[in-house]
């Protein structure tokens, strides 16, 4: 029987029977701790260590349990984003794409070898700059306001600060501390990320997309895009087709 076919026939009770439920809990807690601290190399090590814990099981059970763990991390993050009102179509798109790749991994060695790729995809494409775990009301509110008003001309640092009833300096320091960028840079990145998402997954023209996010001047947009992505929008679109 093919491993992928056999995996679907394994019941969840086998996880409990083999005592792997304790292992899942232990490594789940470790992984979220390091995600919270943005220590991504340690996240990769956690995934590798987890996979090595499974080596005494059969090949079929190894794949089933590793797949369950890797996918559960993604679905948990999506649930957190939904609960916080921060779930974006791009998060779901990238999550489904990553899950589809995980479903094709046929043995635990593939899970170990792909741990770096997995964490990078989770970090960049699913979590992005989101704040999933820290309980900072000002940051949570600021991120919600940015999401809601991303296409509005009045979205500025000073406007955000007034809405939050804090100083612009305090707001900027919060973003530097929690995300690593000043709030103005974060807003610019968010706009460019939205533009890239629409370039990739819609048939809208580049002119329509960039103007939607406030880039009326084409030359300025090209310079801004190239500074962030290292290439022009045209080159980026060409790379997508390769």
Protein backbone atom coordinates (compact mmCIF):
# COMPACT_ATOMS: atom_id res chain seq x y z
CA UNK A 1 0.00 0.00 0.00
CA UNK A 2 1.25 3.51 -0.85
CA UNK A 3 2.16 5.61 2.19
CA UNK A 4 -0.28 8.40 1.26
CA UNK A 5 -3.15 5.90 1.00
CA UNK A 6 -2.25 4.21 4.26
CA UNK A 7 -1.96 7.50 6.12
CA UNK A 8 -5.62 8.29 5.56
CA UNK A 9 -6.61 5.04 7.28
CA UNK A 10 -4.80 5.73 10.55
CA UNK A 11 -7.07 6.86 13.35
CA UNK A 12 -6.18 9.70 15.69
CA UNK A 13 -6.32 7.28 18.65
CA UNK A 14 -2.93 5.90 17.54
CA UNK A 15 -1.36 9.21 18.52
CA UNK A 16 -2.65 8.70 22.06
CA UNK A 17 -1.82 4.98 22.05
CA UNK A 18 1.83 5.64 21.27
CA UNK A 19 2.06 8.47 23.80
CA UNK A 20 2.74 10.96 21.05
CA UNK A 21 0.05 13.30 22.35
CA UNK A 22 2.50 14.37 25.09
CA UNK A 23 5.21 14.91 22.48
CA UNK A 24 2.84 16.98 20.35
CA UNK A 25 1.97 19.19 23.32
CA UNK A 26 5.61 19.64 24.35
CA UNK A 27 6.82 20.64 20.90
CA UNK A 28 3.74 22.70 20.17
CA UNK A 29 4.46 24.83 23.25
CA UNK A 30 8.14 25.16 22.31
CA UNK A 31 7.35 26.18 18.75
CA UNK A 32 4.87 28.87 19.74
CA UNK A 33 7.30 30.23 22.31
CA UNK A 34 9.98 30.70 19.66
CA UNK A 35 7.49 32.09 17.14
CA UNK A 36 6.47 34.59 19.80
CA UNK A 37 10.10 35.55 20.33
CA UNK A 38 10.74 35.56 16.55
CA UNK A 39 13.59 33.10 17.02
CA UNK A 40 13.04 31.31 13.74
CA UNK A 41 16.21 29.22 13.68
CA UNK A 42 15.13 27.69 16.98
CA UNK A 43 11.71 27.01 15.43
CA UNK A 44 13.45 24.97 12.72
CA UNK A 45 15.35 23.02 15.37
CA UNK A 46 12.10 22.28 17.22
CA UNK A 47 10.59 20.81 14.05
CA UNK A 48 13.67 18.66 13.40
CA UNK A 49 13.77 17.45 17.02
CA UNK A 50 10.07 16.62 16.85
CA UNK A 51 10.58 14.52 13.72
CA UNK A 52 13.47 12.61 15.32
CA UNK A 53 11.15 11.72 18.22
CA UNK A 54 9.01 9.77 15.74
CA UNK A 55 11.70 7.46 14.39
CA UNK A 56 10.70 4.49 16.57
CA UNK A 57 7.27 4.42 14.90
CA UNK A 58 6.42 2.85 11.55
CA UNK A 59 6.95 4.89 8.37
CA UNK A 60 3.22 5.34 7.92
CA UNK A 61 2.73 6.55 11.49
CA UNK A 62 5.72 8.90 11.22
CA UNK A 63 4.24 10.60 8.16
CA UNK A 64 0.76 10.83 9.63
CA UNK A 65 1.92 12.37 12.91
CA UNK A 66 4.45 14.75 11.32
CA UNK A 67 1.84 15.89 8.82
CA UNK A 68 -0.72 16.38 11.59
CA UNK A 69 1.72 18.52 13.58
CA UNK A 70 2.95 20.66 10.68
CA UNK A 71 -0.56 21.35 9.42
CA UNK A 72 -1.96 22.02 12.90
CA UNK A 73 0.52 24.89 13.35
CA UNK A 74 -0.80 26.55 10.20
CA UNK A 75 -4.46 26.08 11.09
CA UNK A 76 -3.87 27.36 14.63
CA UNK A 77 -2.28 30.55 13.28
CA UNK A 78 -5.22 31.04 10.91
CA UNK A 79 -7.65 30.61 13.83
CA UNK A 80 -5.74 33.17 15.89
CA UNK A 81 -5.81 35.66 13.01
CA UNK A 82 -9.54 35.11 12.52
CA UNK A 83 -10.23 35.59 16.23
CA UNK A 84 -8.27 38.84 16.22
CA UNK A 85 -10.04 40.07 13.07
CA UNK A 86 -6.75 39.94 11.18
CA UNK A 87 -7.45 37.11 8.72
CA UNK A 88 -6.65 38.24 5.17
CA UNK A 89 -7.35 36.32 1.93
CA UNK A 90 -3.63 36.14 1.28
CA UNK A 91 -3.07 34.31 4.58
CA UNK A 92 -5.57 31.67 3.53
CA UNK A 93 -4.14 31.45 0.02
CA UNK A 94 -0.60 30.91 1.24
CA UNK A 95 -1.79 28.54 3.98
CA UNK A 96 -3.61 26.32 1.47
CA UNK A 97 -0.57 26.32 -0.82
CA UNK A 98 1.75 25.29 2.04
CA UNK A 99 -0.64 22.57 3.24
CA UNK A 100 -0.80 21.19 -0.31
CA UNK A 101 3.01 20.90 -0.32
CA UNK A 102 3.01 19.20 3.08
CA UNK A 103 0.50 16.65 1.82
CA UNK A 104 3.01 15.61 -0.85
CA UNK A 105 5.88 14.88 1.57
CA UNK A 106 6.17 11.09 1.67
CA UNK A 107 8.50 10.35 4.60
CA UNK A 108 9.79 11.95 7.78
CA UNK A 109 13.11 12.78 6.10
CA UNK A 110 11.27 15.18 3.79
CA UNK A 111 9.73 16.89 6.80
CA UNK A 112 13.17 17.33 8.39
CA UNK A 113 14.78 18.59 5.18
CA UNK A 114 11.91 21.03 4.58
CA UNK A 115 11.80 22.47 8.11
CA UNK A 116 13.69 25.63 7.03
CA UNK A 117 11.41 26.08 4.01
CA UNK A 118 8.34 25.51 6.20
CA UNK A 119 9.27 28.06 8.87
CA UNK A 120 10.21 30.63 6.21
CA UNK A 121 6.81 30.21 4.52
CA UNK A 122 4.97 30.44 7.84
CA UNK A 123 6.98 33.50 8.85
CA UNK A 124 6.83 35.43 5.58
CA UNK A 125 3.58 34.33 3.94
CA UNK A 126 1.21 33.44 6.78
CA UNK A 127 2.27 35.34 9.89
CA UNK A 128 4.02 38.15 7.96
CA UNK A 129 4.17 41.19 10.29
CA UNK A 130 1.15 40.11 12.27
CA UNK A 131 1.17 40.17 16.05
CA UNK A 132 -0.32 36.83 17.03
CA UNK A 133 0.74 36.37 20.60
CA UNK A 134 1.69 39.63 22.31
CA UNK A 135 -1.11 41.33 24.20
CA UNK A 136 -0.52 44.99 23.35
CA UNK A 137 -3.86 46.82 22.93
CA UNK A 138 -2.35 49.81 21.10
CA UNK A 139 -0.58 47.55 18.61
CA UNK A 140 -3.65 45.39 18.08
CA UNK A 141 -5.80 48.45 17.43
CA UNK A 142 -3.20 50.08 15.18
CA UNK A 143 -2.90 46.97 13.02
CA UNK A 144 -6.69 46.74 12.71
CA UNK A 145 -6.95 50.40 11.70
CA UNK A 146 -4.20 49.97 9.12
CA UNK A 147 -5.94 46.93 7.65
CA UNK A 148 -9.31 48.69 7.47
CA UNK A 149 -8.02 51.98 6.05
CA UNK A 150 -5.03 50.81 4.00
CA UNK A 151 -6.41 52.33 0.78
CA UNK A 152 -7.40 55.65 2.38
CA UNK A 153 -5.38 58.83 1.85
CA UNK A 154 -5.83 59.92 5.46
CA UNK A 155 -3.91 56.87 6.76
CA UNK A 156 -0.81 58.52 8.23
CA UNK A 157 1.25 58.14 11.38
CA UNK A 158 -0.27 61.27 12.91
CA UNK A 159 -3.82 60.11 12.13
CA UNK A 160 -3.15 56.72 13.70
CA UNK A 161 -1.65 58.32 16.80
CA UNK A 162 -4.72 60.54 17.22
CA UNK A 163 -7.05 57.55 16.85
CA UNK A 164 -5.10 55.69 19.53
CA UNK A 165 -4.75 58.77 21.73
CA UNK A 166 -0.96 58.37 21.99
CA UNK A 167 1.94 60.39 20.61
CA UNK A 168 3.35 59.67 17.15
CA UNK A 169 6.73 59.04 18.79
CA UNK A 170 5.28 56.45 21.15
CA UNK A 171 3.47 54.75 18.25
CA UNK A 172 6.65 54.63 16.18
CA UNK A 173 8.60 53.17 19.09
CA UNK A 174 5.93 50.51 19.60
CA UNK A 175 6.26 49.39 16.00
CA UNK A 176 10.05 49.38 16.16
CA UNK A 177 9.92 47.25 19.30
CA UNK A 178 7.20 44.81 18.24
CA UNK A 179 7.74 44.56 14.49
CA UNK A 180 11.17 46.04 13.84
CA UNK A 181 10.05 48.85 11.51
CA UNK A 182 8.72 52.36 12.12
CA UNK A 183 4.97 52.57 11.54
CA UNK A 184 5.42 54.55 8.30
CA UNK A 185 7.65 51.82 6.87
CA UNK A 186 5.19 49.15 7.99
CA UNK A 187 2.33 50.91 6.18
CA UNK A 188 4.42 51.17 2.99
CA UNK A 189 5.32 47.48 3.18
CA UNK A 190 1.70 46.51 3.75
CA UNK A 191 0.62 48.46 0.68
CA UNK A 192 3.32 46.85 -1.45
CA UNK A 193 2.43 43.41 -0.13
CA UNK A 194 -1.19 43.99 -1.13
CA UNK A 195 -0.10 45.18 -4.56
CA UNK A 196 2.06 42.09 -5.07
CA UNK A 197 -0.78 39.84 -3.92
CA UNK A 198 -3.17 41.42 -6.44
CA UNK A 199 -0.51 41.30 -9.18
CA UNK A 200 -0.12 37.58 -8.51
CA UNK A 201 -3.71 36.44 -7.98
CA UNK A 202 -5.91 38.89 -9.95
CA UNK A 203 -6.17 40.03 -13.56
CA UNK A 204 -6.26 43.73 -12.70
CA UNK A 205 -3.85 46.06 -14.48
CA UNK A 206 -0.82 47.32 -12.59
CA UNK A 207 -2.07 50.89 -13.02
CA UNK A 208 -5.40 50.00 -11.43
CA UNK A 209 -3.73 48.21 -8.54
CA UNK A 210 -1.09 50.82 -7.69
CA UNK A 211 -3.57 53.71 -7.87
CA UNK A 212 -5.89 51.78 -5.55
CA UNK A 213 -3.17 51.99 -2.89
CA UNK A 214 -2.28 55.63 -3.47
CA UNK A 215 0.59 55.32 -5.97
CA UNK A 216 -0.59 57.81 -8.57
CA UNK A 217 2.88 58.68 -9.85
CA UNK A 218 4.14 55.73 -11.91
CA UNK A 219 7.85 56.61 -11.67
CA UNK A 220 7.67 57.02 -7.90
CA UNK A 221 5.93 53.65 -7.63
CA UNK A 222 8.59 51.91 -9.75
CA UNK A 223 11.37 53.33 -7.55
CA UNK A 224 9.56 52.38 -4.35
CA UNK A 225 8.82 48.85 -5.60
CA UNK A 226 12.38 48.28 -6.76
CA UNK A 227 13.78 49.48 -3.44
CA UNK A 228 11.63 46.96 -1.58
CA UNK A 229 11.77 43.95 -3.94
CA UNK A 230 15.05 44.53 -5.76
CA UNK A 231 13.40 44.56 -9.19
CA UNK A 232 10.77 46.43 -11.19
CA UNK A 233 7.10 45.33 -11.12
CA UNK A 234 7.44 44.15 -14.74
CA UNK A 235 10.44 42.00 -13.86
CA UNK A 236 8.58 40.66 -10.83
CA UNK A 237 5.62 39.61 -13.01
CA UNK A 238 7.99 37.95 -15.45
CA UNK A 239 9.57 36.02 -12.58
CA UNK A 240 6.11 34.74 -11.58
CA UNK A 241 5.71 33.07 -14.98
CA UNK A 242 9.00 31.16 -14.76
